[in-house]
Amino acid sequence: MPRSAVGAGLRRARDMLDYGDANTVAAVLGSGRRTSAHDTVPFALWSAARGLGDFERVFWTTAQVGGDVDTTCAIAGGVVASATTGTPPADWLRQTEDLPGWVPDGTA
């Protein structure tokens, strides 16, 4: 990672992986209140790293701190969902709307 505000935040996030309180971590790393990458990405990746394999836990941990919740949850949830064991809970998937027909389903 090149020297940048995002890179510095990611290094801080890595150093805070043993912290259990998301509010404390968000106070240090940011939670998107400033709507910039360096204020969203480090916390979202910290949250994802703390709960890989548990989509629901990551979602609620990320959402509880506030800030730019839709962005931080999208980042953290995307990371966890891309892991082999981190799919959204089945009851959550049942409650979503079908995607429009023009969206590729990924099977092609």
C-alpha atoms as a PDB file:
ATOM      1  CA  MET A   1       0.000   0.000   0.000  1.00  0.00           C
ATOM      2  CA  PRO A   2       1.518   3.337  -1.007  1.00  0.00           C
ATOM      3  CA  ARG A   3       1.955   6.097   1.537  1.00  0.00           C
ATOM      4  CA  SER A   4      -1.463   7.678   1.829  1.00  0.00           C
ATOM      5  CA  ALA A   5      -4.150   8.446   4.370  1.00  0.00           C
ATOM      6  CA  VAL A   6      -5.883   5.172   3.459  1.00  0.00           C
ATOM      7  CA  GLY A   7      -2.650   3.223   3.865  1.00  0.00           C
ATOM      8  CA  ALA A   8      -2.014   4.781   7.266  1.00  0.00           C
ATOM      9  CA  GLY A   9      -5.566   3.924   8.310  1.00  0.00           C
ATOM     10  CA  LEU A  10      -5.172   0.328   7.165  1.00  0.00           C
ATOM     11  CA  ARG A  11      -1.993  -0.026   9.199  1.00  0.00           C
ATOM     12  CA  ARG A  12      -3.819   1.366  12.255  1.00  0.00           C
ATOM     13  CA  ALA A  13      -6.715  -1.014  11.589  1.00  0.00           C
ATOM     14  CA  ARG A  14      -4.308  -3.954  11.480  1.00  0.00           C
ATOM     15  CA  ASP A  15      -2.790  -2.835  14.771  1.00  0.00           C
ATOM     16  CA  MET A  16      -6.263  -2.651  16.343  1.00  0.00           C
ATOM     17  CA  LEU A  17      -7.450  -6.149  15.414  1.00  0.00           C
ATOM     18  CA  ASP A  18      -7.269  -7.198  19.058  1.00  0.00           C
ATOM     19  CA  TYR A  19      -9.659  -4.407  20.114  1.00  0.00           C
ATOM     20  CA  GLY A  20     -13.166  -5.724  20.725  1.00  0.00           C
ATOM     21  CA  ASP A  21     -15.094  -2.463  20.967  1.00  0.00           C
ATOM     22  CA  ALA A  22     -16.188  -1.267  17.531  1.00  0.00           C
ATOM     23  CA  ASN A  23     -17.092   2.192  18.834  1.00  0.00           C
ATOM     24  CA  THR A  24     -13.557   2.743  20.121  1.00  0.00           C
ATOM     25  CA  VAL A  25     -12.074   1.541  16.837  1.00  0.00           C
ATOM     26  CA  ALA A  26     -14.423   3.753  14.830  1.00  0.00           C
ATOM     27  CA  ALA A  27     -13.466   6.736  16.972  1.00  0.00           C
ATOM     28  CA  VAL A  28      -9.834   6.167  15.978  1.00  0.00           C
ATOM     29  CA  LEU A  29     -10.241   5.020  12.370  1.00  0.00           C
ATOM     30  CA  GLY A  30     -13.375   6.889  11.365  1.00  0.00           C
ATOM     31  CA  SER A  31     -16.697   5.474  10.248  1.00  0.00           C
ATOM     32  CA  GLY A  32     -17.504   7.484   7.163  1.00  0.00           C
ATOM     33  CA  ARG A  33     -18.770  10.653   8.786  1.00  0.00           C
ATOM     34  CA  ARG A  34     -16.297  12.555   6.592  1.00  0.00           C
ATOM     35  CA  THR A  35     -17.393  10.549   3.521  1.00  0.00           C
ATOM     36  CA  SER A  36     -13.919   9.817   2.252  1.00  0.00           C
ATOM     37  CA  ALA A  37     -11.998   6.608   1.622  1.00  0.00           C
ATOM     38  CA  HIS A  38      -9.587   7.149   4.494  1.00  0.00           C
ATOM     39  CA  ASP A  39     -12.569   7.587   6.834  1.00  0.00           C
ATOM     40  CA  THR A  40     -14.491   4.477   5.687  1.00  0.00           C
ATOM     41  CA  VAL A  41     -12.208   1.768   4.310  1.00  0.00           C
ATOM     42  CA  PRO A  42      -9.981   1.113   7.365  1.00  0.00           C
ATOM     43  CA  PHE A  43     -12.917   0.636   9.746  1.00  0.00           C
ATOM     44  CA  ALA A  44     -14.898  -1.463   7.259  1.00  0.00           C
ATOM     45  CA  LEU A  45     -11.924  -3.760   6.682  1.00  0.00           C
ATOM     46  CA  TRP A  46     -11.233  -3.959  10.442  1.00  0.00           C
ATOM     47  CA  SER A  47     -14.835  -5.062  10.959  1.00  0.00           C
ATOM     48  CA  ALA A  48     -14.647  -7.616   8.145  1.00  0.00           C
ATOM     49  CA  ALA A  49     -11.350  -9.018   9.419  1.00  0.00           C
ATOM     50  CA  ARG A  50     -12.762  -9.434  12.923  1.00  0.00           C
ATOM     51  CA  GLY A  51     -15.706 -11.488  11.710  1.00  0.00           C
ATOM     52  CA  LEU A  52     -14.775 -13.341   8.538  1.00  0.00           C
ATOM     53  CA  GLY A  53     -17.216 -16.186   8.121  1.00  0.00           C
ATOM     54  CA  ASP A  54     -19.997 -14.494  10.114  1.00  0.00           C
ATOM     55  CA  PHE A  55     -21.830 -12.120   7.774  1.00  0.00           C
ATOM     56  CA  GLU A  56     -24.515 -11.151  10.271  1.00  0.00           C
ATOM     57  CA  ARG A  57     -22.035 -10.348  13.032  1.00  0.00           C
ATOM     58  CA  VAL A  58     -19.958  -8.190  10.678  1.00  0.00           C
ATOM     59  CA  PHE A  59     -23.041  -6.364   9.418  1.00  0.00           C
ATOM     60  CA  TRP A  60     -24.327  -5.454  12.881  1.00  0.00           C
ATOM     61  CA  THR A  61     -20.871  -4.619  14.266  1.00  0.00           C
ATOM     62  CA  THR A  62     -20.313  -2.268  11.348  1.00  0.00           C
ATOM     63  CA  ALA A  63     -23.776  -0.704  11.445  1.00  0.00           C
ATOM     64  CA  GLN A  64     -23.847  -0.061  15.189  1.00  0.00           C
ATOM     65  CA  VAL A  65     -21.197   2.667  15.113  1.00  0.00           C
ATOM     66  CA  GLY A  66     -23.119   4.917  12.737  1.00  0.00           C
ATOM     67  CA  GLY A  67     -21.394   7.165  10.259  1.00  0.00           C
ATOM     68  CA  ASP A  68     -21.769   6.289   6.583  1.00  0.00           C
ATOM     69  CA  VAL A  69     -23.476   3.006   7.424  1.00  0.00           C
ATOM     70  CA  ASP A  70     -24.532   2.033   3.907  1.00  0.00           C
ATOM     71  CA  THR A  71     -20.981   2.423   2.612  1.00  0.00           C
ATOM     72  CA  THR A  72     -19.150   0.765   5.511  1.00  0.00           C
ATOM     73  CA  CYS A  73     -21.640  -2.136   5.573  1.00  0.00           C
ATOM     74  CA  ALA A  74     -21.356  -2.563   1.808  1.00  0.00           C
ATOM     75  CA  ILE A  75     -17.562  -2.727   2.032  1.00  0.00           C
ATOM     76  CA  ALA A  76     -17.440  -5.034   5.063  1.00  0.00           C
ATOM     77  CA  GLY A  77     -20.324  -7.208   3.840  1.00  0.00           C
ATOM     78  CA  GLY A  78     -18.803  -7.511   0.375  1.00  0.00           C
ATOM     79  CA  VAL A  79     -15.512  -8.687   1.813  1.00  0.00           C
ATOM     80  CA  VAL A  80     -17.167 -11.250   4.067  1.00  0.00           C
ATOM     81  CA  ALA A  81     -19.631 -12.440   1.425  1.00  0.00           C
ATOM     82  CA  SER A  82     -16.754 -13.053  -0.961  1.00  0.00           C
ATOM     83  CA  ALA A  83     -15.153 -15.396   1.570  1.00  0.00           C
ATOM     84  CA  THR A  84     -16.167 -19.024   1.137  1.00  0.00           C
ATOM     85  CA  THR A  85     -18.029 -19.233   4.462  1.00  0.00           C
ATOM     86  CA  GLY A  86     -19.412 -15.723   4.682  1.00  0.00           C
ATOM     87  CA  THR A  87     -22.693 -15.742   2.796  1.00  0.00           C
ATOM     88  CA  PRO A  88     -25.607 -13.665   4.119  1.00  0.00           C
ATOM     89  CA  PRO A  89     -28.006 -15.564   6.372  1.00  0.00           C
ATOM     90  CA  ALA A  90     -30.613 -17.538   4.406  1.00  0.00           C
ATOM     91  CA  ASP A  91     -33.540 -15.709   6.028  1.00  0.00           C
ATOM     92  CA  TRP A  92     -32.009 -12.381   4.932  1.00  0.00           C
ATOM     93  CA  LEU A  93     -31.697 -13.636   1.362  1.00  0.00           C
ATOM     94  CA  ARG A  94     -35.340 -14.785   1.352  1.00  0.00           C
ATOM     95  CA  GLN A  95     -36.421 -11.244   2.253  1.00  0.00           C
ATOM     96  CA  THR A  96     -34.616  -9.516  -0.617  1.00  0.00           C
ATOM     97  CA  GLU A  97     -36.212  -8.491  -3.866  1.00  0.00           C
ATOM     98  CA  ASP A  98     -35.330 -10.320  -7.056  1.00  0.00           C
ATOM     99  CA  LEU A  99     -32.807  -8.530  -9.225  1.00  0.00           C
ATOM    100  CA  PRO A 100     -34.147  -7.081 -12.469  1.00  0.00           C
ATOM    101  CA  GLY A 101     -33.901  -9.373 -15.487  1.00  0.00           C
ATOM    102  CA  TRP A 102     -31.179  -7.233 -17.091  1.00  0.00           C
ATOM    103  CA  VAL A 103     -28.715  -7.990 -14.256  1.00  0.00           C
ATOM    104  CA  PRO A 104     -26.390 -10.890 -15.180  1.00  0.00           C
ATOM    105  CA  ASP A 105     -26.755 -13.819 -12.807  1.00  0.00           C
ATOM    106  CA  GLY A 106     -23.084 -14.748 -12.945  1.00  0.00           C
ATOM    107  CA  THR A 107     -23.602 -18.166 -14.522  1.00  0.00           C
ATOM    108  CA  ALA A 108     -22.526 -17.164 -18.019  1.00  0.00           C
END
